Amino acid sequence: MQVKTLIEALQKMNPDEEVCALLYTKQEFDYSPDDEVELTTDAWNKICQEFDEMPFADIWESISMAVTDYVKEKV
C-alpha cells in the first residue's frame, strides 16, 4: 500500500478513535551497504503487494479473541 492510500483511509476516520495497526517500511528490512545482498525497491514493492493480498486469519483471530475477553454486556 502506498502512503498516500493509507493517508486517504485515515482521513476518513475519527482522529480520536483507537486502532490496531501494523506498519513496516523497507528500511526496517533492508540490508547494510556492506552486505553481499540488497533488497531492491522493486522487490520490496512486490513483497508489499503480496502482503496486501494475504489473508490475515491469524491476526483477525487474535484480535477477535481479545475482543471476546474484554466485551461486556449492555446494561
Protein backbone atom coordinates (compact mmCIF):
# COMPACT_ATOMS: atom_id res chain seq x y z
CA MET A 1 0.00 0.00 0.00
CA GLN A 2 1.30 3.42 -0.82
CA VAL A 3 1.48 6.00 1.97
CA LYS A 4 -0.97 8.25 0.13
CA THR A 5 -3.57 5.44 0.12
CA LEU A 6 -3.12 4.95 3.85
CA ILE A 7 -3.42 8.68 4.48
CA GLU A 8 -6.66 8.82 2.46
CA ALA A 9 -8.11 5.95 4.50
CA LEU A 10 -7.04 7.51 7.80
CA GLN A 11 -8.50 10.90 6.89
CA LYS A 12 -11.95 9.29 6.67
CA MET A 13 -11.70 8.06 10.26
CA ASN A 14 -12.42 9.72 13.58
CA PRO A 15 -8.99 11.03 14.70
CA ASP A 16 -9.80 10.19 18.33
CA GLU A 17 -10.59 6.53 17.59
CA GLU A 18 -8.11 3.88 18.75
CA VAL A 19 -6.98 1.45 16.02
CA CYS A 20 -4.80 -1.64 15.78
CA ALA A 21 -2.20 -1.12 13.07
CA LEU A 22 0.86 -2.81 11.64
CA LEU A 23 3.21 -0.64 9.62
CA TYR A 24 6.51 -1.70 8.14
CA THR A 25 8.87 0.08 5.77
CA LYS A 26 11.65 -1.16 3.54
CA GLN A 27 14.25 0.41 5.82
CA GLU A 28 13.36 -1.99 8.63
CA PHE A 29 14.20 -4.99 6.45
CA ASP A 30 16.94 -3.51 4.31
CA TYR A 31 20.48 -4.83 4.39
CA SER A 32 23.60 -2.92 5.27
CA PRO A 33 25.53 -1.44 2.33
CA ASP A 34 28.39 -3.74 3.38
CA ASP A 35 26.30 -6.90 2.84
CA GLU A 36 26.59 -9.02 -0.27
CA VAL A 37 22.86 -8.82 -0.96
CA GLU A 38 20.37 -5.99 -1.29
CA LEU A 39 16.63 -5.55 -1.06
CA THR A 40 15.70 -3.56 -4.13
CA THR A 41 12.78 -1.17 -4.23
CA ASP A 42 11.19 -3.33 -6.93
CA ALA A 43 11.48 -6.41 -4.72
CA TRP A 44 10.08 -4.53 -1.72
CA ASN A 45 7.12 -3.31 -3.83
CA LYS A 46 6.37 -6.91 -4.85
CA ILE A 47 6.54 -8.01 -1.21
CA CYS A 48 4.13 -5.24 -0.22
CA GLN A 49 1.72 -6.23 -2.98
CA GLU A 50 1.81 -9.87 -1.86
CA PHE A 51 1.35 -8.78 1.75
CA ASP A 52 -1.75 -6.74 0.81
CA GLU A 53 -3.25 -9.86 -0.77
CA MET A 54 -2.52 -12.22 2.15
CA PRO A 55 -5.35 -13.42 4.37
CA PHE A 56 -4.91 -12.22 7.92
CA ALA A 57 -6.80 -15.02 9.63
CA ASP A 58 -4.30 -15.35 12.49
CA ILE A 59 -4.24 -11.64 13.27
CA TRP A 60 -8.03 -11.38 12.90
CA GLU A 61 -8.48 -14.38 15.20
CA SER A 62 -6.13 -12.92 17.83
CA ILE A 63 -7.95 -9.59 17.84
CA SER A 64 -11.32 -11.36 17.93
CA MET A 65 -10.20 -13.41 20.92
CA ALA A 66 -9.07 -10.25 22.73
CA VAL A 67 -12.40 -8.60 21.94
CA THR A 68 -14.19 -11.60 23.47
CA ASP A 69 -12.06 -11.24 26.61
CA TYR A 70 -12.95 -7.57 27.05
CA VAL A 71 -16.50 -7.33 25.73
CA LYS A 72 -19.23 -6.58 28.27
CA GLU A 73 -22.98 -6.82 28.18
CA LYS A 74 -25.05 -3.72 27.55
CA VAL A 75 -26.96 -2.52 30.55
